[in-house]
């Protein structure tokens, strides 16, 4: 890929893969695809959910609430999740099979106790920046290809914010896995496409097998 392109690998962590506290079914199956794609990018960024134990998005921190319910917070609706990717735990570690050695930056998100953070670019209040946009622009990168977990949450929010911030934004559909809560996967794709995000597949990027 050209020097103006970067691969963003979203939250490929133990917590979101089989055996994790918020496991997405079969999410480990995308890791070989991501590793293969990564060989064709000089520029790569990883993201890592990195929550304190008292995080506002954890159902256990709200009396009488259960995982997957929604509550209203000052920045909008918030899905409550099982406690996951707590700072410094095995659950929060990047999956050991992920191999993107050229990644120069890991964006940790969700570390503010009172704001959730799905997007690699902006926290959920849509005001607190992670600094990723500035980093990419300083590097001369204007096009991002996004992979990872989960398609309908952190991947989608990252892709939509990338498009809003002026990047050419592509989501590699077969290098992502979704949770699909009550139709959330279809809604996420509708939102992404209507925001100018383009849907591609790994075969569109990888050279054809000889």
N, C-alpha and C. Protein backbone atom coordinates (compact mmCIF):
# COMPACT_ATOMS: atom_id res chain seq x y z
N UNK A 1 0.85 -1.19 0.00
CA UNK A 1 0.00 0.00 0.00
C UNK A 1 0.88 1.24 0.00
N UNK A 2 0.33 2.33 -0.55
CA UNK A 2 1.10 3.57 -0.63
C UNK A 2 1.37 4.14 0.75
N UNK A 3 2.35 5.04 0.80
CA UNK A 3 2.76 5.64 2.07
C UNK A 3 1.67 6.50 2.70
N UNK A 4 0.66 6.91 1.90
CA UNK A 4 -0.41 7.73 2.46
C UNK A 4 -1.52 6.89 3.09
N UNK A 5 -1.32 5.57 3.16
CA UNK A 5 -2.34 4.66 3.68
C UNK A 5 -1.88 4.04 5.01
N UNK A 6 -2.85 3.80 5.89
CA UNK A 6 -2.54 3.11 7.14
C UNK A 6 -3.61 2.06 7.42
N UNK A 7 -3.17 0.97 8.03
CA UNK A 7 -4.08 -0.06 8.53
C UNK A 7 -4.34 0.22 10.01
N UNK A 8 -5.62 0.32 10.39
CA UNK A 8 -5.99 0.46 11.79
C UNK A 8 -6.60 -0.86 12.25
N UNK A 9 -6.02 -1.45 13.26
CA UNK A 9 -6.48 -2.74 13.81
C UNK A 9 -7.13 -2.45 15.16
N UNK A 10 -8.44 -2.65 15.22
CA UNK A 10 -9.24 -2.22 16.37
C UNK A 10 -9.45 -3.38 17.36
N UNK A 11 -8.93 -3.23 18.56
CA UNK A 11 -9.31 -4.04 19.73
C UNK A 11 -9.23 -5.55 19.52
N UNK A 12 -8.15 -6.03 18.89
CA UNK A 12 -7.97 -7.48 18.77
C UNK A 12 -7.29 -7.94 20.06
N UNK A 13 -8.11 -8.11 21.07
CA UNK A 13 -7.66 -8.37 22.43
C UNK A 13 -8.27 -9.66 22.96
N UNK A 14 -7.66 -10.20 24.00
CA UNK A 14 -8.19 -11.42 24.61
C UNK A 14 -9.64 -11.25 25.05
N UNK A 15 -9.98 -10.07 25.52
CA UNK A 15 -11.33 -9.84 26.05
C UNK A 15 -12.44 -9.97 25.03
N UNK A 16 -12.12 -9.76 23.75
CA UNK A 16 -13.14 -9.80 22.70
C UNK A 16 -13.08 -11.07 21.86
N UNK A 17 -12.18 -11.97 22.21
CA UNK A 17 -12.03 -13.21 21.46
C UNK A 17 -12.47 -14.37 22.35
N UNK A 18 -12.68 -15.56 21.78
CA UNK A 18 -13.21 -16.67 22.57
C UNK A 18 -12.44 -16.89 23.88
N UNK A 19 -13.20 -16.99 24.96
CA UNK A 19 -12.63 -17.10 26.30
C UNK A 19 -12.54 -15.78 27.03
N UNK A 20 -12.78 -14.68 26.34
CA UNK A 20 -12.71 -13.35 26.95
C UNK A 20 -13.99 -12.97 27.66
N UNK A 21 -13.92 -11.88 28.42
CA UNK A 21 -15.07 -11.43 29.21
C UNK A 21 -16.18 -10.82 28.37
N UNK A 22 -15.86 -10.37 27.15
CA UNK A 22 -16.87 -9.87 26.22
C UNK A 22 -16.58 -10.47 24.84
N UNK A 23 -16.55 -11.80 24.83
CA UNK A 23 -16.12 -12.51 23.61
C UNK A 23 -17.13 -12.32 22.49
N UNK A 24 -16.62 -12.07 21.30
CA UNK A 24 -17.41 -12.00 20.07
C UNK A 24 -17.21 -13.33 19.34
N UNK A 25 -18.31 -13.98 19.00
CA UNK A 25 -18.24 -15.32 18.42
C UNK A 25 -17.30 -15.36 17.22
N UNK A 26 -16.37 -16.30 17.25
CA UNK A 26 -15.45 -16.57 16.14
C UNK A 26 -14.53 -15.40 15.81
N UNK A 27 -14.38 -14.47 16.73
CA UNK A 27 -13.56 -13.28 16.42
C UNK A 27 -12.10 -13.64 16.17
N UNK A 28 -11.63 -14.74 16.75
CA UNK A 28 -10.24 -15.12 16.51
C UNK A 28 -9.99 -15.54 15.06
N UNK A 29 -11.06 -15.84 14.32
CA UNK A 29 -10.90 -16.29 12.93
C UNK A 29 -10.43 -15.18 12.00
N UNK A 30 -10.59 -13.93 12.41
CA UNK A 30 -10.16 -12.82 11.53
C UNK A 30 -8.67 -12.52 11.71
N UNK A 31 -8.04 -13.04 12.76
CA UNK A 31 -6.65 -12.67 13.04
C UNK A 31 -5.70 -13.07 11.91
N UNK A 32 -5.79 -14.28 11.35
CA UNK A 32 -4.90 -14.59 10.21
C UNK A 32 -5.11 -13.66 9.02
N UNK A 33 -6.35 -13.22 8.80
CA UNK A 33 -6.62 -12.28 7.70
C UNK A 33 -5.94 -10.94 7.97
N UNK A 34 -6.06 -10.46 9.21
CA UNK A 34 -5.42 -9.19 9.58
C UNK A 34 -3.90 -9.30 9.44
N UNK A 35 -3.34 -10.40 9.91
CA UNK A 35 -1.88 -10.58 9.80
C UNK A 35 -1.42 -10.57 8.34
N UNK A 36 -2.22 -11.20 7.49
CA UNK A 36 -1.88 -11.25 6.06
C UNK A 36 -1.98 -9.85 5.45
N UNK A 37 -3.03 -9.13 5.79
CA UNK A 37 -3.19 -7.76 5.30
C UNK A 37 -2.04 -6.87 5.77
N UNK A 38 -1.64 -7.04 7.03
CA UNK A 38 -0.62 -6.16 7.62
C UNK A 38 0.70 -6.22 6.87
N UNK A 39 0.98 -7.34 6.22
CA UNK A 39 2.22 -7.46 5.46
C UNK A 39 2.31 -6.45 4.32
N UNK A 40 1.15 -5.90 3.92
CA UNK A 40 1.11 -5.00 2.77
C UNK A 40 1.00 -3.52 3.16
N UNK A 41 1.14 -3.24 4.46
CA UNK A 41 1.07 -1.86 4.94
C UNK A 41 2.36 -1.52 5.68
N UNK A 42 2.97 -0.39 5.31
CA UNK A 42 4.11 0.11 6.08
C UNK A 42 3.65 0.82 7.35
N UNK A 43 2.42 1.35 7.31
CA UNK A 43 1.90 2.14 8.43
C UNK A 43 0.74 1.38 9.08
N UNK A 44 0.83 1.17 10.37
CA UNK A 44 -0.23 0.48 11.09
C UNK A 44 -0.39 1.06 12.49
N UNK A 45 -1.64 1.10 12.94
CA UNK A 45 -1.98 1.58 14.28
C UNK A 45 -2.86 0.51 14.93
N UNK A 46 -2.58 0.20 16.19
CA UNK A 46 -3.42 -0.72 16.94
C UNK A 46 -4.22 0.06 17.97
N UNK A 47 -5.44 -0.40 18.28
CA UNK A 47 -6.17 0.17 19.41
C UNK A 47 -6.38 -0.90 20.46
N UNK A 48 -6.54 -0.43 21.69
CA UNK A 48 -6.65 -1.33 22.84
C UNK A 48 -7.63 -0.74 23.84
N UNK A 49 -8.75 -1.45 24.07
CA UNK A 49 -9.64 -1.07 25.16
C UNK A 49 -8.87 -1.18 26.47
N UNK A 50 -9.01 -0.17 27.34
CA UNK A 50 -8.13 -0.10 28.52
C UNK A 50 -8.91 0.56 29.66
N UNK A 51 -9.83 -0.21 30.24
CA UNK A 51 -10.80 0.37 31.18
C UNK A 51 -10.35 0.24 32.64
N UNK A 52 -10.59 1.27 33.45
CA UNK A 52 -10.47 1.10 34.90
C UNK A 52 -11.63 0.22 35.40
N UNK A 53 -11.44 -0.40 36.56
CA UNK A 53 -12.46 -1.33 37.08
C UNK A 53 -13.78 -0.62 37.39
N UNK A 54 -13.73 0.69 37.65
CA UNK A 54 -14.95 1.44 37.98
C UNK A 54 -15.57 2.11 36.74
N UNK A 55 -15.30 1.58 35.55
CA UNK A 55 -15.74 2.26 34.33
C UNK A 55 -17.25 2.37 34.24
N UNK A 56 -17.71 3.49 33.72
CA UNK A 56 -19.14 3.81 33.66
C UNK A 56 -19.92 2.87 32.74
N UNK A 57 -19.23 2.20 31.82
CA UNK A 57 -19.92 1.32 30.88
C UNK A 57 -20.15 -0.09 31.43
N UNK A 58 -19.63 -0.39 32.61
CA UNK A 58 -19.77 -1.74 33.17
C UNK A 58 -21.08 -1.86 33.93
N UNK A 59 -21.89 -2.84 33.55
CA UNK A 59 -23.19 -3.03 34.20
C UNK A 59 -23.04 -3.21 35.71
N UNK A 60 -21.97 -3.88 36.13
CA UNK A 60 -21.80 -4.17 37.56
C UNK A 60 -21.60 -2.90 38.39
N UNK A 61 -21.30 -1.78 37.73
CA UNK A 61 -21.13 -0.51 38.44
C UNK A 61 -22.41 0.30 38.53
N UNK A 62 -23.54 -0.29 38.12
CA UNK A 62 -24.85 0.37 38.19
C UNK A 62 -25.82 -0.59 38.89
N UNK A 63 -26.24 -0.24 40.10
CA UNK A 63 -27.09 -1.12 40.90
C UNK A 63 -28.37 -1.48 40.13
N UNK A 64 -28.68 -2.77 40.10
CA UNK A 64 -29.92 -3.24 39.49
C UNK A 64 -29.88 -3.32 37.98
N UNK A 65 -28.74 -3.04 37.37
CA UNK A 65 -28.65 -3.07 35.91
C UNK A 65 -27.97 -4.35 35.45
N UNK A 66 -28.33 -4.78 34.24
CA UNK A 66 -27.76 -6.00 33.67
C UNK A 66 -27.01 -5.66 32.38
N UNK A 67 -26.03 -6.50 32.00
CA UNK A 67 -25.34 -6.28 30.73
C UNK A 67 -26.31 -6.20 29.56
N UNK A 68 -25.99 -5.31 28.63
CA UNK A 68 -26.70 -5.09 27.37
C UNK A 68 -27.95 -4.22 27.53
N UNK A 69 -28.25 -3.78 28.75
CA UNK A 69 -29.24 -2.73 28.91
C UNK A 69 -28.61 -1.41 28.49
N UNK A 70 -29.45 -0.41 28.22
CA UNK A 70 -28.96 0.93 27.90
C UNK A 70 -29.38 1.91 28.98
N UNK A 71 -28.52 2.86 29.26
CA UNK A 71 -28.85 3.96 30.16
C UNK A 71 -28.53 5.27 29.45
N UNK A 72 -29.10 6.34 29.97
CA UNK A 72 -28.83 7.68 29.42
C UNK A 72 -27.73 8.33 30.25
N UNK A 73 -26.67 8.76 29.56
CA UNK A 73 -25.61 9.53 30.20
C UNK A 73 -25.60 10.93 29.59
N UNK A 74 -24.78 11.81 30.15
CA UNK A 74 -24.83 13.20 29.68
C UNK A 74 -24.38 13.34 28.23
N UNK A 75 -23.68 12.34 27.68
CA UNK A 75 -23.28 12.41 26.27
C UNK A 75 -24.18 11.56 25.36
N UNK A 76 -25.23 10.95 25.94
CA UNK A 76 -26.16 10.17 25.11
C UNK A 76 -26.38 8.77 25.67
N UNK A 77 -27.04 7.90 24.89
CA UNK A 77 -27.30 6.54 25.36
C UNK A 77 -26.01 5.73 25.48
N UNK A 78 -25.97 4.88 26.48
CA UNK A 78 -24.80 4.05 26.73
C UNK A 78 -25.24 2.61 26.97
N UNK A 79 -24.73 1.70 26.14
CA UNK A 79 -24.94 0.27 26.40
C UNK A 79 -24.08 -0.11 27.60
N UNK A 80 -24.66 -0.90 28.49
CA UNK A 80 -23.89 -1.43 29.63
C UNK A 80 -23.33 -2.79 29.27
N UNK A 81 -22.05 -2.98 29.55
CA UNK A 81 -21.35 -4.19 29.15
C UNK A 81 -20.92 -4.99 30.36
N UNK A 82 -20.67 -6.30 30.18
CA UNK A 82 -19.94 -7.02 31.22
C UNK A 82 -18.56 -6.36 31.39
N UNK A 83 -18.03 -6.40 32.61
CA UNK A 83 -16.69 -5.85 32.83
C UNK A 83 -15.71 -6.56 31.90
N UNK A 84 -14.89 -5.76 31.19
CA UNK A 84 -13.98 -6.33 30.19
C UNK A 84 -12.77 -5.43 30.01
N UNK A 85 -11.68 -6.02 29.56
CA UNK A 85 -10.46 -5.29 29.22
C UNK A 85 -10.06 -4.31 30.32
N UNK A 86 -10.08 -4.82 31.55
CA UNK A 86 -9.66 -3.98 32.69
C UNK A 86 -8.14 -3.82 32.64
N UNK A 87 -7.70 -2.61 32.88
CA UNK A 87 -6.29 -2.25 32.76
C UNK A 87 -5.38 -3.24 33.47
N UNK A 88 -4.36 -3.71 32.75
CA UNK A 88 -3.35 -4.56 33.35
C UNK A 88 -3.72 -6.02 33.48
N UNK A 89 -4.91 -6.41 33.00
CA UNK A 89 -5.33 -7.81 33.11
C UNK A 89 -5.05 -8.57 31.81
N UNK A 90 -5.08 -9.89 31.91
CA UNK A 90 -4.93 -10.74 30.72
C UNK A 90 -6.01 -10.42 29.69
N UNK A 91 -7.21 -10.11 30.16
CA UNK A 91 -8.34 -9.81 29.29
C UNK A 91 -8.03 -8.61 28.38
N UNK A 92 -7.25 -7.67 28.89
CA UNK A 92 -6.96 -6.45 28.13
C UNK A 92 -5.79 -6.59 27.17
N UNK A 93 -5.03 -7.67 27.29
CA UNK A 93 -3.84 -7.82 26.44
C UNK A 93 -4.24 -8.04 24.98
N UNK A 94 -3.38 -7.58 24.08
CA UNK A 94 -3.57 -7.89 22.66
C UNK A 94 -3.49 -9.40 22.48
N UNK A 95 -4.29 -9.93 21.54
CA UNK A 95 -4.32 -11.38 21.34
C UNK A 95 -2.94 -11.86 20.90
N UNK A 96 -2.45 -12.96 21.48
CA UNK A 96 -1.08 -13.39 21.17
C UNK A 96 -0.85 -13.79 19.72
N UNK A 97 -1.92 -14.12 18.99
CA UNK A 97 -1.75 -14.50 17.59
C UNK A 97 -1.65 -13.30 16.66
N UNK A 98 -1.99 -12.10 17.16
CA UNK A 98 -1.92 -10.91 16.31
C UNK A 98 -0.46 -10.57 16.05
N UNK A 99 -0.11 -10.36 14.76
CA UNK A 99 1.28 -10.10 14.40
C UNK A 99 1.32 -8.92 13.43
N UNK A 100 1.53 -7.74 14.00
CA UNK A 100 1.65 -6.51 13.20
C UNK A 100 2.90 -5.78 13.71
N UNK A 101 4.08 -6.32 13.41
CA UNK A 101 5.30 -5.81 14.05
C UNK A 101 5.64 -4.38 13.67
N UNK A 102 5.13 -3.90 12.53
CA UNK A 102 5.47 -2.54 12.12
C UNK A 102 4.59 -1.47 12.77
N UNK A 103 3.61 -1.89 13.57
CA UNK A 103 2.76 -0.90 14.25
C UNK A 103 3.60 -0.04 15.18
N UNK A 104 3.53 1.26 14.99
CA UNK A 104 4.33 2.19 15.79
C UNK A 104 3.53 2.86 16.90
N UNK A 105 2.21 2.67 16.88
CA UNK A 105 1.35 3.39 17.82
C UNK A 105 0.24 2.47 18.30
N UNK A 106 0.04 2.45 19.62
CA UNK A 106 -1.13 1.80 20.20
C UNK A 106 -1.96 2.89 20.87
N UNK A 107 -3.20 3.04 20.42
CA UNK A 107 -4.13 3.99 21.03
C UNK A 107 -4.92 3.24 22.09
N UNK A 108 -4.74 3.62 23.36
CA UNK A 108 -5.56 3.04 24.43
C UNK A 108 -6.78 3.93 24.64
N UNK A 109 -7.94 3.28 24.70
CA UNK A 109 -9.18 4.05 24.79
C UNK A 109 -10.09 3.49 25.88
N UNK A 110 -10.97 4.35 26.36
CA UNK A 110 -11.86 3.96 27.45
C UNK A 110 -11.20 4.00 28.81
N UNK A 111 -10.09 4.75 28.93
CA UNK A 111 -9.40 4.79 30.22
C UNK A 111 -9.93 5.88 31.14
N UNK A 112 -10.76 6.80 30.62
CA UNK A 112 -11.45 7.76 31.49
C UNK A 112 -12.66 7.06 32.10
N UNK A 113 -12.78 7.04 33.41
CA UNK A 113 -13.81 6.26 34.09
C UNK A 113 -15.22 6.70 33.73
N UNK A 114 -15.40 7.98 33.37
CA UNK A 114 -16.76 8.49 33.18
C UNK A 114 -17.14 8.71 31.72
N UNK A 115 -16.32 8.24 30.77
CA UNK A 115 -16.65 8.35 29.34
C UNK A 115 -16.27 7.04 28.67
N UNK A 116 -17.20 6.47 27.90
CA UNK A 116 -16.82 5.31 27.10
C UNK A 116 -16.13 5.80 25.84
N UNK A 117 -15.48 4.89 25.15
CA UNK A 117 -14.72 5.29 23.97
C UNK A 117 -14.68 4.13 23.00
N UNK A 118 -15.53 4.19 21.98
CA UNK A 118 -15.54 3.17 20.94
C UNK A 118 -14.55 3.52 19.83
N UNK A 119 -14.57 4.78 19.42
CA UNK A 119 -13.78 5.22 18.28
C UNK A 119 -12.30 5.38 18.64
N UNK A 120 -11.44 5.08 17.66
CA UNK A 120 -10.01 5.33 17.84
C UNK A 120 -9.68 6.82 17.76
N UNK A 121 -10.63 7.64 17.28
CA UNK A 121 -10.35 9.05 17.06
C UNK A 121 -10.95 9.97 18.14
N UNK A 122 -12.18 9.65 18.58
CA UNK A 122 -12.89 10.51 19.53
C UNK A 122 -13.57 9.66 20.59
N UNK A 123 -13.56 10.13 21.83
CA UNK A 123 -14.31 9.43 22.85
C UNK A 123 -15.80 9.70 22.65
N UNK A 124 -16.63 8.98 23.42
CA UNK A 124 -18.07 8.95 23.14
C UNK A 124 -18.75 10.30 23.34
N UNK A 125 -18.11 11.22 24.04
CA UNK A 125 -18.70 12.56 24.17
C UNK A 125 -18.54 13.38 22.90
N UNK A 126 -17.80 12.83 21.92
CA UNK A 126 -17.55 13.50 20.64
C UNK A 126 -16.82 14.83 20.81
N UNK A 127 -16.14 15.00 21.93
CA UNK A 127 -15.35 16.21 22.18
C UNK A 127 -13.91 15.89 22.56
N UNK A 128 -13.70 14.75 23.20
CA UNK A 128 -12.37 14.39 23.70
C UNK A 128 -11.63 13.60 22.62
N UNK A 129 -10.58 14.20 22.08
CA UNK A 129 -9.82 13.57 21.00
C UNK A 129 -8.75 12.65 21.55
N UNK A 130 -8.49 11.56 20.84
CA UNK A 130 -7.39 10.67 21.21
C UNK A 130 -6.05 11.14 20.65
N UNK A 131 -6.09 12.07 19.70
CA UNK A 131 -4.87 12.53 19.05
C UNK A 131 -4.49 11.74 17.81
N UNK A 132 -5.26 10.70 17.48
CA UNK A 132 -4.89 9.86 16.34
C UNK A 132 -4.93 10.62 15.02
N UNK A 133 -5.94 11.47 14.84
CA UNK A 133 -6.05 12.22 13.58
C UNK A 133 -4.81 13.07 13.35
N UNK A 134 -4.34 13.75 14.40
CA UNK A 134 -3.15 14.57 14.28
C UNK A 134 -1.91 13.75 13.95
N UNK A 135 -1.80 12.60 14.60
CA UNK A 135 -0.66 11.71 14.33
C UNK A 135 -0.64 11.29 12.87
N UNK A 136 -1.79 10.85 12.34
CA UNK A 136 -1.84 10.39 10.96
C UNK A 136 -1.53 11.53 9.99
N UNK A 137 -2.10 12.71 10.26
CA UNK A 137 -1.87 13.84 9.35
C UNK A 137 -0.41 14.28 9.36
N UNK A 138 0.22 14.23 10.53
CA UNK A 138 1.65 14.56 10.62
C UNK A 138 2.49 13.58 9.80
N UNK A 139 2.01 12.36 9.68
CA UNK A 139 2.72 11.33 8.93
C UNK A 139 2.37 11.36 7.43
N UNK A 140 1.49 12.28 7.03
CA UNK A 140 1.11 12.37 5.62
C UNK A 140 0.11 11.31 5.20
N UNK A 141 -0.59 10.74 6.16
CA UNK A 141 -1.56 9.67 5.87
C UNK A 141 -2.95 10.28 5.73
N UNK A 142 -3.61 9.98 4.60
CA UNK A 142 -4.95 10.50 4.38
C UNK A 142 -5.99 9.42 4.09
N UNK A 143 -5.56 8.16 4.12
CA UNK A 143 -6.43 7.03 3.81
C UNK A 143 -6.23 5.94 4.85
N UNK A 144 -7.35 5.46 5.42
CA UNK A 144 -7.25 4.42 6.44
C UNK A 144 -8.10 3.21 6.06
N UNK A 145 -7.56 2.04 6.33
CA UNK A 145 -8.25 0.77 6.15
C UNK A 145 -8.43 0.17 7.54
N UNK A 146 -9.66 -0.13 7.91
CA UNK A 146 -9.98 -0.47 9.29
C UNK A 146 -10.42 -1.92 9.39
N UNK A 147 -9.87 -2.60 10.41
CA UNK A 147 -10.19 -4.00 10.67
C UNK A 147 -10.37 -4.16 12.17
N UNK A 148 -10.89 -5.33 12.60
CA UNK A 148 -10.91 -5.61 14.03
C UNK A 148 -12.28 -5.92 14.60
N UNK A 149 -12.44 -5.62 15.88
CA UNK A 149 -13.59 -6.03 16.67
C UNK A 149 -14.11 -4.81 17.46
N UNK A 150 -15.37 -4.61 17.52
CA UNK A 150 -16.46 -5.30 16.83
C UNK A 150 -16.96 -4.37 15.72
N UNK A 151 -17.35 -5.00 14.62
CA UNK A 151 -17.76 -4.24 13.44
C UNK A 151 -18.79 -3.17 13.78
N UNK A 152 -19.78 -3.54 14.61
CA UNK A 152 -20.93 -2.67 14.85
C UNK A 152 -20.73 -1.68 15.99
N UNK A 153 -19.57 -1.70 16.62
CA UNK A 153 -19.30 -0.73 17.69
C UNK A 153 -17.98 -0.01 17.42
N UNK A 154 -16.88 -0.54 17.91
CA UNK A 154 -15.62 0.21 17.82
C UNK A 154 -15.12 0.39 16.39
N UNK A 155 -15.32 -0.61 15.53
CA UNK A 155 -14.91 -0.46 14.13
C UNK A 155 -15.76 0.60 13.44
N UNK A 156 -17.07 0.52 13.62
CA UNK A 156 -17.97 1.46 12.94
C UNK A 156 -17.72 2.89 13.41
N UNK A 157 -17.60 3.10 14.72
CA UNK A 157 -17.38 4.45 15.22
C UNK A 157 -16.05 5.00 14.73
N UNK A 158 -15.04 4.15 14.67
CA UNK A 158 -13.73 4.58 14.17
C UNK A 158 -13.83 4.98 12.70
N UNK A 159 -14.52 4.16 11.90
CA UNK A 159 -14.63 4.44 10.46
C UNK A 159 -15.41 5.71 10.19
N UNK A 160 -16.50 5.90 10.92
CA UNK A 160 -17.34 7.10 10.72
C UNK A 160 -16.57 8.35 11.14
N UNK A 161 -15.88 8.29 12.27
CA UNK A 161 -15.09 9.45 12.70
C UNK A 161 -13.96 9.74 11.71
N UNK A 162 -13.34 8.70 11.17
CA UNK A 162 -12.28 8.91 10.18
C UNK A 162 -12.83 9.69 8.98
N UNK A 163 -14.01 9.29 8.50
CA UNK A 163 -14.62 9.99 7.36
C UNK A 163 -14.96 11.43 7.73
N UNK A 164 -15.51 11.64 8.93
CA UNK A 164 -15.85 13.00 9.38
C UNK A 164 -14.61 13.90 9.43
N UNK A 165 -13.48 13.30 9.79
CA UNK A 165 -12.25 14.06 9.97
C UNK A 165 -11.47 14.23 8.66
N UNK A 166 -12.06 13.77 7.55
CA UNK A 166 -11.47 14.03 6.24
C UNK A 166 -10.60 12.93 5.67
N UNK A 167 -10.56 11.78 6.33
CA UNK A 167 -9.80 10.66 5.79
C UNK A 167 -10.65 9.84 4.83
N UNK A 168 -10.03 9.30 3.79
CA UNK A 168 -10.68 8.26 3.01
C UNK A 168 -10.76 7.03 3.92
N UNK A 169 -11.96 6.55 4.15
CA UNK A 169 -12.17 5.54 5.18
C UNK A 169 -12.74 4.27 4.57
N UNK A 170 -12.03 3.17 4.74
CA UNK A 170 -12.45 1.86 4.23
C UNK A 170 -12.54 0.89 5.40
N UNK A 171 -13.59 0.05 5.39
CA UNK A 171 -13.68 -1.04 6.35
C UNK A 171 -13.54 -2.35 5.60
N UNK A 172 -12.62 -3.19 6.06
CA UNK A 172 -12.35 -4.48 5.41
C UNK A 172 -13.28 -5.51 6.06
N UNK A 173 -14.39 -5.80 5.37
CA UNK A 173 -15.50 -6.52 6.00
C UNK A 173 -15.11 -7.89 6.54
N UNK A 174 -14.28 -8.62 5.80
CA UNK A 174 -13.92 -9.98 6.25
C UNK A 174 -12.74 -9.98 7.21
N UNK A 175 -12.27 -8.80 7.60
CA UNK A 175 -11.24 -8.68 8.63
C UNK A 175 -11.83 -8.06 9.90
N UNK A 176 -13.16 -8.16 10.03
CA UNK A 176 -13.88 -7.65 11.20
C UNK A 176 -14.88 -8.70 11.67
N UNK A 177 -15.27 -8.63 12.92
CA UNK A 177 -16.36 -9.44 13.46
C UNK A 177 -17.27 -8.55 14.29
N UNK A 178 -18.59 -8.78 14.17
CA UNK A 178 -19.56 -7.96 14.88
C UNK A 178 -20.23 -8.70 16.02
N UNK A 179 -20.79 -7.92 16.95
CA UNK A 179 -21.56 -8.48 18.06
C UNK A 179 -22.99 -8.75 17.61
N UNK A 180 -23.57 -7.78 16.90
CA UNK A 180 -24.94 -7.84 16.38
C UNK A 180 -25.97 -7.95 17.50
N UNK A 181 -26.07 -6.87 18.28
CA UNK A 181 -27.09 -6.74 19.32
C UNK A 181 -28.35 -6.17 18.68
N UNK A 182 -29.40 -6.96 18.57
CA UNK A 182 -30.70 -6.47 18.10
C UNK A 182 -30.57 -5.68 16.78
N UNK A 183 -29.90 -6.30 15.83
CA UNK A 183 -29.79 -5.67 14.51
C UNK A 183 -28.72 -4.61 14.39
N UNK A 184 -27.84 -4.53 15.40
CA UNK A 184 -26.85 -3.44 15.40
C UNK A 184 -25.87 -3.54 14.24
N UNK A 185 -25.63 -4.74 13.72
CA UNK A 185 -24.65 -4.89 12.64
C UNK A 185 -25.16 -4.25 11.36
N UNK A 186 -26.41 -4.53 11.01
CA UNK A 186 -26.99 -3.93 9.80
C UNK A 186 -27.07 -2.41 9.94
N UNK A 187 -27.49 -1.95 11.12
CA UNK A 187 -27.57 -0.50 11.33
C UNK A 187 -26.20 0.15 11.22
N UNK A 188 -25.18 -0.54 11.73
CA UNK A 188 -23.83 0.03 11.67
C UNK A 188 -23.36 0.17 10.23
N UNK A 189 -23.62 -0.85 9.41
CA UNK A 189 -23.23 -0.75 8.00
C UNK A 189 -23.99 0.37 7.30
N UNK A 190 -25.26 0.52 7.61
CA UNK A 190 -26.03 1.62 7.00
C UNK A 190 -25.44 2.97 7.40
N UNK A 191 -25.11 3.11 8.68
CA UNK A 191 -24.54 4.36 9.16
C UNK A 191 -23.18 4.62 8.52
N UNK A 192 -22.36 3.58 8.42
CA UNK A 192 -21.03 3.75 7.82
C UNK A 192 -21.14 4.18 6.36
N UNK A 193 -21.94 3.46 5.60
CA UNK A 193 -22.05 3.76 4.16
C UNK A 193 -22.63 5.15 3.92
N UNK A 194 -23.61 5.54 4.74
CA UNK A 194 -24.21 6.86 4.56
C UNK A 194 -23.26 7.98 4.99
N UNK A 195 -22.22 7.63 5.76
CA UNK A 195 -21.22 8.61 6.19
C UNK A 195 -20.05 8.71 5.21
N UNK A 196 -20.10 7.92 4.13
CA UNK A 196 -19.03 7.97 3.14
C UNK A 196 -17.96 6.91 3.32
N UNK A 197 -18.15 6.02 4.30
CA UNK A 197 -17.21 4.91 4.48
C UNK A 197 -17.44 3.90 3.37
N UNK A 198 -16.36 3.32 2.87
CA UNK A 198 -16.47 2.33 1.79
C UNK A 198 -16.21 0.93 2.35
N UNK A 199 -17.00 -0.03 1.87
CA UNK A 199 -16.87 -1.42 2.29
C UNK A 199 -16.02 -2.18 1.28
N UNK A 200 -14.96 -2.81 1.76
CA UNK A 200 -14.10 -3.59 0.88
C UNK A 200 -13.84 -4.95 1.54
N UNK A 201 -13.16 -5.82 0.82
CA UNK A 201 -12.81 -7.15 1.32
C UNK A 201 -11.31 -7.34 1.16
N UNK A 202 -10.78 -8.28 1.88
CA UNK A 202 -9.33 -8.50 1.84
C UNK A 202 -8.85 -8.81 0.44
N UNK A 203 -9.67 -9.49 -0.37
CA UNK A 203 -9.28 -9.83 -1.74
C UNK A 203 -9.06 -8.58 -2.61
N UNK A 204 -9.70 -7.46 -2.19
CA UNK A 204 -9.49 -6.21 -2.93
C UNK A 204 -8.13 -5.59 -2.65
N UNK A 205 -7.47 -6.05 -1.60
CA UNK A 205 -6.20 -5.47 -1.17
C UNK A 205 -5.04 -6.42 -1.41
N UNK A 206 -5.26 -7.68 -1.09
CA UNK A 206 -4.19 -8.67 -1.22
C UNK A 206 -3.94 -9.01 -2.69
N UNK A 207 -2.69 -9.19 -3.07
CA UNK A 207 -2.41 -9.59 -4.45
C UNK A 207 -2.99 -10.97 -4.74
N UNK A 208 -3.46 -11.15 -5.92
CA UNK A 208 -4.06 -12.43 -6.31
C UNK A 208 -3.04 -13.55 -6.19
N UNK A 209 -3.49 -14.68 -5.70
CA UNK A 209 -2.60 -15.85 -5.58
C UNK A 209 -2.19 -16.32 -6.95
N UNK A 210 -0.93 -16.66 -7.08
CA UNK A 210 -0.42 -17.11 -8.37
C UNK A 210 -0.79 -18.57 -8.55
